[in-house]
Amino acid sequence: MCQQLLQEIEYTRKQMETLATSLPFSSEQVIEISKQLDKLLNKYEMVIKSK
């Protein structure tokens, strides 16, 4: 679970970086992927704290 979540976090982070190089940080796409990344990071924190 943890390893898969970390991979998803890394993938989403790379997607956000790619988008942010071609779009303004305030664009809808960058904001949405940033929100996805936030959710994943929060989920990861919950998993770690529950161990």
Protein backbone atom coordinates (compact mmCIF):
# COMPACT_ATOMS: atom_id res chain seq x y z
CA MET A 1 0.00 0.00 0.00
CA CYS A 2 2.65 2.48 1.07
CA GLN A 3 4.95 1.80 -1.88
CA GLN A 4 2.10 2.08 -4.37
CA LEU A 5 0.99 5.35 -2.80
CA LEU A 6 4.53 6.72 -2.99
CA GLN A 7 4.69 5.83 -6.67
CA GLU A 8 1.38 7.58 -7.28
CA ILE A 9 2.64 10.66 -5.42
CA GLU A 10 5.81 10.75 -7.50
CA TYR A 11 3.89 10.29 -10.76
CA THR A 12 1.44 13.08 -9.87
CA ARG A 13 4.28 15.37 -8.81
CA LYS A 14 6.00 14.86 -12.16
CA GLN A 15 2.75 15.56 -13.99
CA MET A 16 2.34 18.79 -12.06
CA GLU A 17 5.92 19.85 -12.81
CA THR A 18 5.40 19.16 -16.51
CA LEU A 19 2.17 21.14 -16.62
CA ALA A 20 3.67 24.00 -14.63
CA THR A 21 6.48 24.42 -17.16
CA SER A 22 4.02 25.08 -19.97
CA LEU A 23 1.09 26.69 -18.15
CA PRO A 24 0.75 29.43 -15.53
CA PHE A 25 0.68 28.20 -11.94
CA SER A 26 -2.79 29.68 -11.64
CA SER A 27 -4.20 27.66 -14.55
CA GLU A 28 -7.08 25.29 -13.83
CA GLN A 29 -5.05 22.23 -14.86
CA VAL A 30 -2.14 23.02 -12.56
CA ILE A 31 -4.46 23.81 -9.67
CA GLU A 32 -6.39 20.55 -10.14
CA ILE A 33 -3.29 18.38 -10.23
CA SER A 34 -1.94 20.26 -7.22
CA LYS A 35 -5.14 19.38 -5.35
CA GLN A 36 -4.72 15.74 -6.36
CA LEU A 37 -1.17 15.79 -5.05
CA ASP A 38 -2.32 17.36 -1.78
CA LYS A 39 -4.89 14.59 -1.31
CA LEU A 40 -2.29 11.91 -1.98
CA LEU A 41 0.16 13.49 0.45
CA ASN A 42 -2.53 13.73 3.13
CA LYS A 43 -3.45 10.09 2.55
CA TYR A 44 0.21 9.10 2.86
CA GLU A 45 0.53 11.01 6.12
CA MET A 46 -2.55 9.22 7.51
CA VAL A 47 -1.11 5.84 6.54
CA ILE A 48 2.22 6.62 8.20
CA LYS A 49 0.57 7.90 11.37
CA SER A 50 -1.60 4.79 11.65
CA LYS A 51 1.44 2.49 11.82
